[in-house]
PDB file of N, CA and C in Angstrom:
ATOM      1  N   GLN A   1       7.173 232.840-251.001  1.00  0.00           N
ATOM      2  CA  GLN A   1       5.849 233.145-251.505  1.00  0.00           C
ATOM      3  C   GLN A   1       5.600 232.376-252.799  1.00  0.00           C
ATOM      4  N   VAL A   2       4.414 231.786-252.900  1.00  0.00           N
ATOM      5  CA  VAL A   2       4.037 231.038-254.088  1.00  0.00           C
ATOM      6  C   VAL A   2       3.148 231.919-254.969  1.00  0.00           C
ATOM      7  N   GLN A   3       3.363 231.832-256.273  1.00  0.00           N
ATOM      8  CA  GLN A   3       2.532 232.543-257.238  1.00  0.00           C
ATOM      9  C   GLN A   3       1.645 231.534-257.969  1.00  0.00           C
ATOM     10  N   LEU A   4       0.377 231.885-258.150  1.00  0.00           N
ATOM     11  CA  LEU A   4      -0.602 230.974-258.725  1.00  0.00           C
ATOM     12  C   LEU A   4      -1.274 231.612-259.933  1.00  0.00           C
ATOM     13  N   VAL A   5      -1.431 230.837-261.002  1.00  0.00           N
ATOM     14  CA  VAL A   5      -2.082 231.309-262.214  1.00  0.00           C
ATOM     15  C   VAL A   5      -3.088 230.273-262.677  1.00  0.00           C
ATOM     16  N   GLU A   6      -4.376 230.648-262.703  1.00  0.00           N
ATOM     17  CA  GLU A   6      -5.435 229.752-263.150  1.00  0.00           C
ATOM     18  C   GLU A   6      -5.647 229.874-264.651  1.00  0.00           C
ATOM     19  N   SER A   7      -6.162 228.800-265.241  1.00  0.00           N
ATOM     20  CA  SER A   7      -6.548 228.805-266.639  1.00  0.00           C
ATOM     21  C   SER A   7      -7.614 227.740-266.854  1.00  0.00           C
ATOM     22  N   GLY A   8      -8.267 227.785-268.001  1.00  0.00           N
ATOM     23  CA  GLY A   8      -9.222 226.758-268.371  1.00  0.00           C
ATOM     24  C   GLY A   8     -10.674 227.148-268.247  1.00  0.00           C
ATOM     25  N   GLY A   9     -10.962 228.331-267.739  1.00  0.00           N
ATOM     26  CA  GLY A   9     -12.345 228.768-267.631  1.00  0.00           C
ATOM     27  C   GLY A   9     -12.945 229.059-268.995  1.00  0.00           C
ATOM     28  N   GLY A  10     -14.258 229.208-269.016  1.00  0.00           N
ATOM     29  CA  GLY A  10     -14.946 229.494-270.261  1.00  0.00           C
ATOM     30  C   GLY A  10     -16.429 229.308-270.136  1.00  0.00           C
ATOM     31  N   LEU A  11     -17.092 229.275-271.280  1.00  0.00           N
ATOM     32  CA  LEU A  11     -18.536 229.105-271.358  1.00  0.00           C
ATOM     33  C   LEU A  11     -18.865 227.672-271.751  1.00  0.00           C
ATOM     34  N   VAL A  12     -19.772 227.058-271.009  1.00  0.00           N
ATOM     35  CA  VAL A  12     -20.165 225.680-271.279  1.00  0.00           C
ATOM     36  C   VAL A  12     -21.654 225.523-271.005  1.00  0.00           C
ATOM     37  N   GLN A  13     -22.302 224.621-271.730  1.00  0.00           N
ATOM     38  CA  GLN A  13     -23.716 224.351-271.514  1.00  0.00           C
ATOM     39  C   GLN A  13     -23.916 223.462-270.295  1.00  0.00           C
ATOM     40  N   ALA A  14     -25.076 223.594-269.671  1.00  0.00           N
ATOM     41  CA  ALA A  14     -25.413 222.735-268.538  1.00  0.00           C
ATOM     42  C   ALA A  14     -25.259 221.274-268.928  1.00  0.00           C
ATOM     43  N   GLY A  15     -24.672 220.497-268.021  1.00  0.00           N
ATOM     44  CA  GLY A  15     -24.401 219.097-268.284  1.00  0.00           C
ATOM     45  C   GLY A  15     -23.033 218.846-268.873  1.00  0.00           C
ATOM     46  N   GLY A  16     -22.360 219.891-269.280  1.00  0.00           N
ATOM     47  CA  GLY A  16     -21.044 219.764-269.879  1.00  0.00           C
ATOM     48  C   GLY A  16     -19.933 219.683-268.854  1.00  0.00           C
ATOM     49  N   SER A  17     -18.706 219.659-269.358  1.00  0.00           N
ATOM     50  CA  SER A  17     -17.528 219.512-268.514  1.00  0.00           C
ATOM     51  C   SER A  17     -16.497 220.579-268.821  1.00  0.00           C
ATOM     52  N   LEU A  18     -15.664 220.838-267.838  1.00  0.00           N
ATOM     53  CA  LEU A  18     -14.589 221.799-267.981  1.00  0.00           C
ATOM     54  C   LEU A  18     -13.477 221.389-267.027  1.00  0.00           C
ATOM     55  N   ARG A  19     -12.242 221.621-267.428  1.00  0.00           N
ATOM     56  CA  ARG A  19     -11.097 221.311-266.575  1.00  0.00           C
ATOM     57  C   ARG A  19     -10.279 222.563-266.326  1.00  0.00           C
ATOM     58  N   LEU A  20     -10.169 222.949-265.069  1.00  0.00           N
ATOM     59  CA  LEU A  20      -9.378 224.100-264.682  1.00  0.00           C
ATOM     60  C   LEU A  20      -7.984 223.661-264.260  1.00  0.00           C
ATOM     61  N   SER A  21      -7.010 224.521-264.519  1.00  0.00           N
ATOM     62  CA  SER A  21      -5.637 224.273-264.107  1.00  0.00           C
ATOM     63  C   SER A  21      -5.133 225.445-263.295  1.00  0.00           C
ATOM     64  N   CYS A  22      -4.249 225.165-262.366  1.00  0.00           N
ATOM     65  CA  CYS A  22      -3.603 226.196-261.570  1.00  0.00           C
ATOM     66  C   CYS A  22      -2.124 225.876-261.507  1.00  0.00           C
ATOM     67  N   ALA A  23      -1.326 226.703-262.143  1.00  0.00           N
ATOM     68  CA  ALA A  23       0.118 226.514-262.167  1.00  0.00           C
ATOM     69  C   ALA A  23       0.754 227.326-261.052  1.00  0.00           C
ATOM     70  N   ALA A  24       1.623 226.691-260.292  1.00  0.00           N
ATOM     71  CA  ALA A  24       2.276 227.331-259.160  1.00  0.00           C
ATOM     72  C   ALA A  24       3.767 227.473-259.407  1.00  0.00           C
ATOM     73  N   SER A  25       4.310 228.565-258.935  1.00  0.00           N
ATOM     74  CA  SER A  25       5.749 228.762-258.970  1.00  0.00           C
ATOM     75  C   SER A  25       6.244 229.037-257.562  1.00  0.00           C
ATOM     76  N   GLY A  26       7.487 228.654-257.303  1.00  0.00           N
ATOM     77  CA  GLY A  26       8.040 228.814-255.979  1.00  0.00           C
ATOM     78  C   GLY A  26       8.560 227.489-255.442  1.00  0.00           C
ATOM     79  N   ARG A  27       9.361 227.569-254.430  1.00  0.00           N
ATOM     80  CA  ARG A  27       9.944 226.370-253.856  1.00  0.00           C
ATOM     81  C   ARG A  27       8.931 225.590-253.024  1.00  0.00           C
ATOM     82  N   THR A  28       9.203 224.331-252.861  1.00  0.00           N
ATOM     83  CA  THR A  28       8.442 223.422-252.000  1.00  0.00           C
ATOM     84  C   THR A  28       6.946 223.420-252.284  1.00  0.00           C
ATOM     85  N   PHE A  29       6.581 223.181-253.543  1.00  0.00           N
ATOM     86  CA  PHE A  29       5.180 223.091-253.916  1.00  0.00           C
ATOM     87  C   PHE A  29       4.461 222.009-253.110  1.00  0.00           C
ATOM     88  N   THR A  30       5.138 220.896-252.847  1.00  0.00           N
ATOM     89  CA  THR A  30       4.507 219.806-252.104  1.00  0.00           C
ATOM     90  C   THR A  30       4.257 220.155-250.649  1.00  0.00           C
ATOM     91  N   GLY A  31       4.832 221.243-250.176  1.00  0.00           N
ATOM     92  CA  GLY A  31       4.597 221.691-248.821  1.00  0.00           C
ATOM     93  C   GLY A  31       3.305 222.477-248.650  1.00  0.00           C
ATOM     94  N   TYR A  32       2.584 222.711-249.737  1.00  0.00           N
ATOM     95  CA  TYR A  32       1.349 223.484-249.702  1.00  0.00           C
ATOM     96  C   TYR A  32       0.130 222.606-249.941  1.00  0.00           C
ATOM     97  N   GLY A  33      -0.845 222.724-249.062  1.00  0.00           N
ATOM     98  CA  GLY A  33      -2.167 222.241-249.412  1.00  0.00           C
ATOM     99  C   GLY A  33      -2.724 223.183-250.470  1.00  0.00           C
ATOM    100  N   MET A  34      -3.509 222.660-251.398  1.00  0.00           N
ATOM    101  CA  MET A  34      -4.063 223.471-252.475  1.00  0.00           C
ATOM    102  C   MET A  34      -5.574 223.333-252.507  1.00  0.00           C
ATOM    103  N   ALA A  35      -6.246 224.430-252.816  1.00  0.00           N
ATOM    104  CA  ALA A  35      -7.701 224.430-252.816  1.00  0.00           C
ATOM    105  C   ALA A  35      -8.252 225.261-253.961  1.00  0.00           C
ATOM    106  N   TRP A  36      -9.490 224.967-254.306  1.00  0.00           N
ATOM    107  CA  TRP A  36     -10.270 225.776-255.231  1.00  0.00           C
ATOM    108  C   TRP A  36     -11.430 226.414-254.483  1.00  0.00           C
ATOM    109  N   PHE A  37     -11.621 227.693-254.695  1.00  0.00           N
ATOM    110  CA  PHE A  37     -12.762 228.439-254.196  1.00  0.00           C
ATOM    111  C   PHE A  37     -13.489 229.050-255.381  1.00  0.00           C
ATOM    112  N   ARG A  38     -14.707 229.495-255.160  1.00  0.00           N
ATOM    113  CA  ARG A  38     -15.431 230.191-256.215  1.00  0.00           C
ATOM    114  C   ARG A  38     -16.262 231.319-255.618  1.00  0.00           C
ATOM    115  N   GLN A  39     -16.543 232.304-256.445  1.00  0.00           N
ATOM    116  CA  GLN A  39     -17.330 233.443-256.010  1.00  0.00           C
ATOM    117  C   GLN A  39     -18.264 233.867-257.133  1.00  0.00           C
ATOM    118  N   ALA A  40     -19.547 233.754-256.873  1.00  0.00           N
ATOM    119  CA  ALA A  40     -20.572 234.190-257.811  1.00  0.00           C
ATOM    120  C   ALA A  40     -20.925 235.643-257.541  1.00  0.00           C
ATOM    121  N   PRO A  41     -21.494 236.347-258.523  1.00  0.00           N
ATOM    122  CA  PRO A  41     -21.861 237.744-258.325  1.00  0.00           C
ATOM    123  C   PRO A  41     -22.766 237.933-257.113  1.00  0.00           C
ATOM    124  N   GLY A  42     -22.404 238.863-256.244  1.00  0.00           N
ATOM    125  CA  GLY A  42     -23.195 239.154-255.060  1.00  0.00           C
ATOM    126  C   GLY A  42     -23.100 238.128-253.952  1.00  0.00           C
ATOM    127  N   LYS A  43     -22.210 237.147-254.090  1.00  0.00           N
ATOM    128  CA  LYS A  43     -22.084 236.085-253.096  1.00  0.00           C
ATOM    129  C   LYS A  43     -20.715 236.111-252.429  1.00  0.00           C
ATOM    130  N   GLU A  44     -20.629 235.452-251.282  1.00  0.00           N
ATOM    131  CA  GLU A  44     -19.353 235.287-250.604  1.00  0.00           C
ATOM    132  C   GLU A  44     -18.506 234.255-251.332  1.00  0.00           C
ATOM    133  N   ARG A  45     -17.197 234.391-251.205  1.00  0.00           N
ATOM    134  CA  ARG A  45     -16.307 233.387-251.757  1.00  0.00           C
ATOM    135  C   ARG A  45     -16.471 232.096-250.959  1.00  0.00           C
ATOM    136  N   GLU A  46     -16.649 230.975-251.645  1.00  0.00           N
ATOM    137  CA  GLU A  46     -16.922 229.716-250.976  1.00  0.00           C
ATOM    138  C   GLU A  46     -15.955 228.618-251.385  1.00  0.00           C
ATOM    139  N   PHE A  47     -15.705 227.730-250.450  1.00  0.00           N
ATOM    140  CA  PHE A  47     -14.839 226.586-250.665  1.00  0.00           C
ATOM    141  C   PHE A  47     -15.464 225.611-251.645  1.00  0.00           C
ATOM    142  N   VAL A  48     -14.645 225.045-252.520  1.00  0.00           N
ATOM    143  CA  VAL A  48     -15.108 224.061-253.499  1.00  0.00           C
ATOM    144  C   VAL A  48     -14.444 222.706-253.278  1.00  0.00           C
ATOM    145  N   ALA A  49     -13.122 222.674-253.287  1.00  0.00           N
ATOM    146  CA  ALA A  49     -12.390 221.422-253.159  1.00  0.00           C
ATOM    147  C   ALA A  49     -10.959 221.710-252.741  1.00  0.00           C
ATOM    148  N   SER A  50     -10.298 220.721-252.147  1.00  0.00           N
ATOM    149  CA  SER A  50      -8.912 220.900-251.741  1.00  0.00           C
ATOM    150  C   SER A  50      -8.189 219.569-251.719  1.00  0.00           C
ATOM    151  N   ALA A  51      -6.867 219.645-251.696  1.00  0.00           N
ATOM    152  CA  ALA A  51      -6.026 218.458-251.660  1.00  0.00           C
ATOM    153  C   ALA A  51      -4.833 218.698-250.755  1.00  0.00           C
ATOM    154  N   SER A  52      -4.408 217.656-250.073  1.00  0.00           N
ATOM    155  CA  SER A  52      -3.220 217.723-249.244  1.00  0.00           C
ATOM    156  C   SER A  52      -1.989 217.910-250.124  1.00  0.00           C
ATOM    157  N   GLY A  53      -0.856 218.162-249.493  1.00  0.00           N
ATOM    158  CA  GLY A  53       0.372 218.392-250.242  1.00  0.00           C
ATOM    159  C   GLY A  53       0.736 217.257-251.175  1.00  0.00           C
ATOM    160  N   SER A  54       0.490 216.038-250.759  1.00  0.00           N
ATOM    161  CA  SER A  54       0.784 214.870-251.580  1.00  0.00           C
ATOM    162  C   SER A  54      -0.307 214.577-252.599  1.00  0.00           C
ATOM    163  N   GLY A  55      -1.499 215.127-252.375  1.00  0.00           N
ATOM    164  CA  GLY A  55      -2.644 214.815-253.207  1.00  0.00           C
ATOM    165  C   GLY A  55      -3.381 213.557-252.788  1.00  0.00           C
ATOM    166  N   LEU A  56      -2.917 212.888-251.757  1.00  0.00           N
ATOM    167  CA  LEU A  56      -3.525 211.633-251.329  1.00  0.00           C
ATOM    168  C   LEU A  56      -4.834 211.835-250.570  1.00  0.00           C
ATOM    169  N   ARG A  57      -5.010 212.997-249.986  1.00  0.00           N
ATOM    170  CA  ARG A  57      -6.270 213.305-249.300  1.00  0.00           C
ATOM    171  C   ARG A  57      -6.957 214.461-250.004  1.00  0.00           C
ATOM    172  N   THR A  58      -8.263 214.350-250.170  1.00  0.00           N
ATOM    173  CA  THR A  58      -9.047 215.400-250.814  1.00  0.00           C
ATOM    174  C   THR A  58     -10.302 215.682-250.015  1.00  0.00           C
ATOM    175  N   TRP A  59     -10.828 216.889-250.169  1.00  0.00           N
ATOM    176  CA  TRP A  59     -12.031 217.333-249.511  1.00  0.00           C
ATOM    177  C   TRP A  59     -12.895 218.077-250.527  1.00  0.00           C
ATOM    178  N   TYR A  60     -14.219 217.971-250.380  1.00  0.00           N
ATOM    179  CA  TYR A  60     -15.132 218.601-251.314  1.00  0.00           C
ATOM    180  C   TYR A  60     -16.311 219.232-250.592  1.00  0.00           C
ATOM    181  N   ALA A  61     -16.774 220.346-251.128  1.00  0.00           N
ATOM    182  CA  ALA A  61     -18.039 220.897-250.676  1.00  0.00           C
ATOM    183  C   ALA A  61     -19.169 219.948-251.072  1.00  0.00           C
ATOM    184  N   ASP A  62     -20.206 219.887-250.246  1.00  0.00           N
ATOM    185  CA  ASP A  62     -21.319 218.987-250.535  1.00  0.00           C
ATOM    186  C   ASP A  62     -21.945 219.269-251.901  1.00  0.00           C
ATOM    187  N   SER A  63     -21.949 220.518-252.310  1.00  0.00           N
ATOM    188  CA  SER A  63     -22.597 220.904-253.552  1.00  0.00           C
ATOM    189  C   SER A  63     -21.910 220.355-254.802  1.00  0.00           C
ATOM    190  N   VAL A  64     -20.656 219.922-254.676  1.00  0.00           N
ATOM    191  CA  VAL A  64     -19.928 219.447-255.853  1.00  0.00           C
ATOM    192  C   VAL A  64     -19.496 217.992-255.749  1.00  0.00           C
ATOM    193  N   LYS A  65     -19.762 217.343-254.631  1.00  0.00           N
ATOM    194  CA  LYS A  65     -19.372 215.942-254.469  1.00  0.00           C
ATOM    195  C   LYS A  65     -19.994 215.078-255.558  1.00  0.00           C
ATOM    196  N   GLY A  66     -19.180 214.219-256.136  1.00  0.00           N
ATOM    197  CA  GLY A  66     -19.641 213.345-257.194  1.00  0.00           C
ATOM    198  C   GLY A  66     -19.572 213.961-258.573  1.00  0.00           C
ATOM    199  N   ARG A  67     -19.350 215.275-258.653  1.00  0.00           N
ATOM    200  CA  ARG A  67     -19.285 215.954-259.944  1.00  0.00           C
ATOM    201  C   ARG A  67     -17.903 216.526-260.232  1.00  0.00           C
ATOM    202  N   PHE A  68     -17.235 217.025-259.196  1.00  0.00           N
ATOM    203  CA  PHE A  68     -15.923 217.651-259.356  1.00  0.00           C
ATOM    204  C   PHE A  68     -14.840 216.749-258.773  1.00  0.00           C
ATOM    205  N   THR A  69     -13.652 216.814-259.357  1.00  0.00           N
ATOM    206  CA  THR A  69     -12.507 216.066-258.860  1.00  0.00           C
ATOM    207  C   THR A  69     -11.276 216.959-258.846  1.00  0.00           C
ATOM    208  N   ILE A  70     -10.636 217.055-257.692  1.00  0.00           N
ATOM    209  CA  ILE A  70      -9.388 217.796-257.596  1.00  0.00           C
ATOM    210  C   ILE A  70      -8.223 216.817-257.668  1.00  0.00           C
ATOM    211  N   SER A  71      -7.168 217.208-258.350  1.00  0.00           N
ATOM    212  CA  SER A  71      -5.972 216.395-258.429  1.00  0.00           C
ATOM    213  C   SER A  71      -4.769 217.315-258.575  1.00  0.00           C
ATOM    214  N   ARG A  72      -3.592 216.770-258.376  1.00  0.00           N
ATOM    215  CA  ARG A  72      -2.397 217.587-258.531  1.00  0.00           C
ATOM    216  C   ARG A  72      -1.264 216.761-259.095  1.00  0.00           C
ATOM    217  N   ASP A  73      -0.429 217.420-259.863  1.00  0.00           N
ATOM    218  CA  ASP A  73       0.768 216.825-260.432  1.00  0.00           C
ATOM    219  C   ASP A  73       1.935 217.625-259.879  1.00  0.00           C
ATOM    220  N   ASN A  74       2.552 217.117-258.837  1.00  0.00           N
ATOM    221  CA  ASN A  74       3.603 217.878-258.173  1.00  0.00           C
ATOM    222  C   ASN A  74       4.852 218.025-259.035  1.00  0.00           C
ATOM    223  N   ALA A  75       5.083 217.093-259.952  1.00  0.00           N
ATOM    224  CA  ALA A  75       6.210 217.223-260.865  1.00  0.00           C
ATOM    225  C   ALA A  75       6.043 218.428-261.778  1.00  0.00           C
ATOM    226  N   LYS A  76       4.791 218.806-262.059  1.00  0.00           N
ATOM    227  CA  LYS A  76       4.493 219.965-262.897  1.00  0.00           C
ATOM    228  C   LYS A  76       4.046 221.170-262.084  1.00  0.00           C
ATOM    229  N   SER A  77       4.027 221.033-260.766  1.00  0.00           N
ATOM    230  CA  SER A  77       3.587 222.106-259.869  1.00  0.00           C
ATOM    231  C   SER A  77       2.227 222.656-260.291  1.00  0.00           C
ATOM    232  N   THR A  78       1.298 221.753-260.570  1.00  0.00           N
ATOM    233  CA  THR A  78      -0.010 222.135-261.085  1.00  0.00           C
ATOM    234  C   THR A  78      -1.114 221.380-260.358  1.00  0.00           C
ATOM    235  N   VAL A  79      -2.184 222.082-260.047  1.00  0.00           N
ATOM    236  CA  VAL A  79      -3.366 221.473-259.469  1.00  0.00           C
ATOM    237  C   VAL A  79      -4.520 221.648-260.459  1.00  0.00           C
ATOM    238  N   TYR A  80      -5.398 220.656-260.533  1.00  0.00           N
ATOM    239  CA  TYR A  80      -6.486 220.649-261.496  1.00  0.00           C
ATOM    240  C   TYR A  80      -7.832 220.538-260.794  1.00  0.00           C
ATOM    241  N   LEU A  81      -8.854 221.009-261.470  1.00  0.00           N
ATOM    242  CA  LEU A  81     -10.223 220.791-261.030  1.00  0.00           C
ATOM    243  C   LEU A  81     -11.030 220.327-262.236  1.00  0.00           C
ATOM    244  N   GLN A  82     -11.361 219.046-262.257  1.00  0.00           N
ATOM    245  CA  GLN A  82     -12.207 218.491-263.303  1.00  0.00           C
ATOM    246  C   GLN A  82     -13.655 218.675-262.883  1.00  0.00           C
ATOM    247  N   MET A  83     -14.428 219.378-263.691  1.00  0.00           N
ATOM    248  CA  MET A  83     -15.813 219.683-263.382  1.00  0.00           C
ATOM    249  C   MET A  83     -16.707 219.009-264.407  1.00  0.00           C
ATOM    250  N   ASN A  84     -17.541 218.093-263.942  1.00  0.00           N
ATOM    251  CA  ASN A  84     -18.482 217.381-264.793  1.00  0.00           C
ATOM    252  C   ASN A  84     -19.908 217.700-264.372  1.00  0.00           C
ATOM    253  N   SER A  85     -20.847 217.399-265.251  1.00  0.00           N
ATOM    254  CA  SER A  85     -22.270 217.626-264.981  1.00  0.00           C
ATOM    255  C   SER A  85     -22.521 219.032-264.464  1.00  0.00           C
ATOM    256  N   LEU A  86     -21.962 220.004-265.142  1.00  0.00           N
ATOM    257  CA  LEU A  86     -22.043 221.389-264.688  1.00  0.00           C
ATOM    258  C   LEU A  86     -23.478 221.911-264.697  1.00  0.00           C
ATOM    259  N   LYS A  87     -23.770 222.746-263.716  1.00  0.00           N
ATOM    260  CA  LYS A  87     -25.077 223.357-263.545  1.00  0.00           C
ATOM    261  C   LYS A  87     -24.952 224.870-263.610  1.00  0.00           C
ATOM    262  N   PRO A  88     -26.022 225.568-263.972  1.00  0.00           N
ATOM    263  CA  PRO A  88     -25.957 227.037-263.988  1.00  0.00           C
ATOM    264  C   PRO A  88     -25.497 227.623-262.657  1.00  0.00           C
ATOM    265  N   GLU A  89     -25.839 226.998-261.543  1.00  0.00           N
ATOM    266  CA  GLU A  89     -25.423 227.493-260.244  1.00  0.00           C
ATOM    267  C   GLU A  89     -23.929 227.338-259.975  1.00  0.00           C
ATOM    268  N   ASP A  90     -23.213 226.647-260.859  1.00  0.00           N
ATOM    269  CA  ASP A  90     -21.756 226.569-260.765  1.00  0.00           C
ATOM    270  C   ASP A  90     -21.078 227.798-261.352  1.00  0.00           C
ATOM    271  N   THR A  91     -21.841 228.659-261.993  1.00  0.00           N
ATOM    272  CA  THR A  91     -21.285 229.862-262.593  1.00  0.00           C
ATOM    273  C   THR A  91     -20.642 230.744-261.529  1.00  0.00           C
ATOM    274  N   ALA A  92     -19.375 231.075-261.723  1.00  0.00           N
ATOM    275  CA  ALA A  92     -18.628 231.867-260.746  1.00  0.00           C
ATOM    276  C   ALA A  92     -17.227 232.112-261.282  1.00  0.00           C
ATOM    277  N   VAL A  93     -16.516 232.986-260.593  1.00  0.00           N
ATOM    278  CA  VAL A  93     -15.079 233.085-260.800  1.00  0.00           C
ATOM    279  C   VAL A  93     -14.426 232.061-259.884  1.00  0.00           C
ATOM    280  N   TYR A  94     -13.578 231.224-260.439  1.00  0.00           N
ATOM    281  CA  TYR A  94     -12.915 230.179-259.676  1.00  0.00           C
ATOM    282  C   TYR A  94     -11.476 230.584-259.378  1.00  0.00           C
ATOM    283  N   TYR A  95     -11.087 230.443-258.124  1.00  0.00           N
ATOM    284  CA  TYR A  95      -9.759 230.815-257.663  1.00  0.00           C
ATOM    285  C   TYR A  95      -9.041 229.603-257.080  1.00  0.00           C
ATOM    286  N   CYS A  96      -7.752 229.498-257.321  1.00  0.00           N
ATOM    287  CA  CYS A  96      -6.967 228.526-256.573  1.00  0.00           C
ATOM    288  C   CYS A  96      -6.222 229.242-255.458  1.00  0.00           C
ATOM    289  N   ALA A  97      -5.929 228.503-254.402  1.00  0.00           N
ATOM    290  CA  ALA A  97      -5.293 229.075-253.229  1.00  0.00           C
ATOM    291  C   ALA A  97      -4.354 228.060-252.603  1.00  0.00           C
ATOM    292  N   ALA A  98      -3.336 228.561-251.939  1.00  0.00           N
ATOM    293  CA  ALA A  98      -2.332 227.718-251.301  1.00  0.00           C
ATOM    294  C   ALA A  98      -2.348 227.894-249.793  1.00  0.00           C
ATOM    295  N   TYR A  99      -2.199 226.781-249.099  1.00  0.00           N
ATOM    296  CA  TYR A  99      -2.161 226.747-247.640  1.00  0.00           C
ATOM    297  C   TYR A  99      -0.772 226.295-247.218  1.00  0.00           C
ATOM    298  N   ALA A 100      -0.086 227.106-246.457  1.00  0.00           N
ATOM    299  CA  ALA A 100       1.276 226.783-246.036  1.00  0.00           C
ATOM    300  C   ALA A 100       1.255 225.835-244.843  1.00  0.00           C
ATOM    301  N   GLY A 101       2.055 224.786-244.939  1.00  0.00           N
ATOM    302  CA  GLY A 101       2.171 223.857-243.840  1.00  0.00           C
ATOM    303  C   GLY A 101       1.362 222.599-244.037  1.00  0.00           C
ATOM    304  N   TRP A 102       1.184 221.877-242.941  1.00  0.00           N
ATOM    305  CA  TRP A 102       0.451 220.617-242.969  1.00  0.00           C
ATOM    306  C   TRP A 102      -1.040 220.886-243.124  1.00  0.00           C
ATOM    307  N   TYR A 103      -1.579 220.565-244.290  1.00  0.00           N
ATOM    308  CA  TYR A 103      -2.980 220.840-244.582  1.00  0.00           C
ATOM    309  C   TYR A 103      -3.850 219.687-244.133  1.00  0.00           C
ATOM    310  N   ASN A 104      -4.915 220.040-243.399  1.00  0.00           N
ATOM    311  CA  ASN A 104      -5.798 219.017-242.848  1.00  0.00           C
ATOM    312  C   ASN A 104      -7.262 219.353-243.079  1.00  0.00           C
ATOM    313  N   GLY A 105      -7.568 219.963-244.212  1.00  0.00           N
ATOM    314  CA  GLY A 105      -8.948 220.149-244.611  1.00  0.00           C
ATOM    315  C   GLY A 105      -9.573 221.487-244.271  1.00  0.00           C
ATOM    316  N   ALA A 106      -8.780 222.495-243.937  1.00  0.00           N
ATOM    317  CA  ALA A 106      -9.328 223.816-243.646  1.00  0.00           C
ATOM    318  C   ALA A 106     -10.055 224.365-244.865  1.00  0.00           C
ATOM    319  N   THR A 107     -11.159 225.087-244.631  1.00  0.00           N
ATOM    320  CA  THR A 107     -11.976 225.607-245.724  1.00  0.00           C
ATOM    321  C   THR A 107     -12.211 227.107-245.668  1.00  0.00           C
ATOM    322  N   SER A 108     -11.682 227.792-244.681  1.00  0.00           N
ATOM    323  CA  SER A 108     -11.895 229.227-244.540  1.00  0.00           C
ATOM    324  C   SER A 108     -10.964 230.008-245.448  1.00  0.00           C
ATOM    325  N   VAL A 109     -11.503 231.036-246.079  1.00  0.00           N
ATOM    326  CA  VAL A 109     -10.720 231.877-246.969  1.00  0.00           C
ATOM    327  C   VAL A 109      -9.487 232.430-246.270  1.00  0.00           C
ATOM    328  N   ARG A 110      -9.638 232.850-245.027  1.00  0.00           N
ATOM    329  CA  ARG A 110      -8.548 233.508-244.313  1.00  0.00           C
ATOM    330  C   ARG A 110      -7.400 232.566-243.974  1.00  0.00           C
ATOM    331  N   GLU A 111      -7.596 231.258-244.092  1.00  0.00           N
ATOM    332  CA  GLU A 111      -6.545 230.298-243.798  1.00  0.00           C
ATOM    333  C   GLU A 111      -5.540 230.149-244.929  1.00  0.00           C
ATOM    334  N   PHE A 112      -5.872 230.643-246.114  1.00  0.00           N
ATOM    335  CA  PHE A 112      -5.026 230.474-247.288  1.00  0.00           C
ATOM    336  C   PHE A 112      -4.242 231.743-247.571  1.00  0.00           C
ATOM    337  N   GLY A 113      -2.939 231.577-247.747  1.00  0.00           N
ATOM    338  CA  GLY A 113      -2.059 232.730-247.822  1.00  0.00           C
ATOM    339  C   GLY A 113      -1.750 233.258-249.200  1.00  0.00           C
ATOM    340  N   ALA A 114      -2.026 232.501-250.241  1.00  0.00           N
ATOM    341  CA  ALA A 114      -1.736 232.938-251.599  1.00  0.00           C
ATOM    342  C   ALA A 114      -2.907 232.597-252.510  1.00  0.00           C
ATOM    343  N   TRP A 115      -3.213 233.504-253.428  1.00  0.00           N
ATOM    344  CA  TRP A 115      -4.358 233.361-254.320  1.00  0.00           C
ATOM    345  C   TRP A 115      -3.987 233.695-255.752  1.00  0.00           C
ATOM    346  N   GLY A 116      -4.621 232.994-256.688  1.00  0.00           N
ATOM    347  CA  GLY A 116      -4.511 233.359-258.084  1.00  0.00           C
ATOM    348  C   GLY A 116      -5.479 234.470-258.420  1.00  0.00           C
ATOM    349  N   GLN A 117      -5.459 234.907-259.682  1.00  0.00           N
ATOM    350  CA  GLN A 117      -6.318 236.000-260.130  1.00  0.00           C
ATOM    351  C   GLN A 117      -7.737 235.546-260.445  1.00  0.00           C
ATOM    352  N   GLY A 118      -7.942 234.256-260.622  1.00  0.00           N
ATOM    353  CA  GLY A 118      -9.257 233.723-260.893  1.00  0.00           C
ATOM    354  C   GLY A 118      -9.510 233.501-262.373  1.00  0.00           C
ATOM    355  N   THR A 119     -10.412 232.585-262.662  1.00  0.00           N
ATOM    356  CA  THR A 119     -10.823 232.319-264.032  1.00  0.00           C
ATOM    357  C   THR A 119     -12.341 232.151-264.061  1.00  0.00           C
ATOM    358  N   GLN A 120     -12.986 232.775-265.042  1.00  0.00           N
ATOM    359  CA  GLN A 120     -14.440 232.799-265.112  1.00  0.00           C
ATOM    360  C   GLN A 120     -14.978 231.496-265.693  1.00  0.00           C
ATOM    361  N   VAL A 121     -15.960 230.920-265.007  1.00  0.00           N
ATOM    362  CA  VAL A 121     -16.696 229.763-265.501  1.00  0.00           C
ATOM    363  C   VAL A 121     -18.158 230.155-265.610  1.00  0.00           C
ATOM    364  N   THR A 122     -18.714 230.036-266.804  1.00  0.00           N
ATOM    365  CA  THR A 122     -20.112 230.365-267.028  1.00  0.00           C
ATOM    366  C   THR A 122     -20.823 229.145-267.596  1.00  0.00           C
ATOM    367  N   VAL A 123     -21.894 228.731-266.929  1.00  0.00           N
ATOM    368  CA  VAL A 123     -22.673 227.569-267.350  1.00  0.00           C
ATOM    369  C   VAL A 123     -24.044 228.055-267.792  1.00  0.00           C
ATOM    370  N   SER A 124     -24.368 227.848-269.048  1.00  0.00           N
ATOM    371  CA  SER A 124     -25.637 228.295-269.591  1.00  0.00           C
ATOM    372  C   SER A 124     -26.683 227.198-269.478  1.00  0.00           C
ATOM    373  N   SER A 125     -27.936 227.593-269.296  1.00  0.00           N
ATOM    374  CA  SER A 125     -29.033 226.650-269.171  1.00  0.00           C
ATOM    375  C   SER A 125     -29.667 226.360-270.516  1.00  0.00           C
TER     376      SER A 125
END
């Protein structure tokens, strides 16, 4: 079982940037696809971005393409989400999640077996 801890959330003005981190513990970190999801008040949890175990392949929700970048440093067992040009509609709790096995771009919440506690991102207008 992998344990995940997010950090880096906070309050930022529209147009600003924020970088989230997710530190993982457990064996075979490179064996997990990693993803970021977010959940706004009253909304369903939605897929944001993900990366294959190696980090060589990435996937993004249409709403964040060109603004967000996912990356991972397997030597540090950490995945990042660089968020630029933030909009008020990006306001949500952001969660990282791990997918066991060969990851090929799955985006459903139920496909991910481990979750962090989440970190709040608030974008003011």
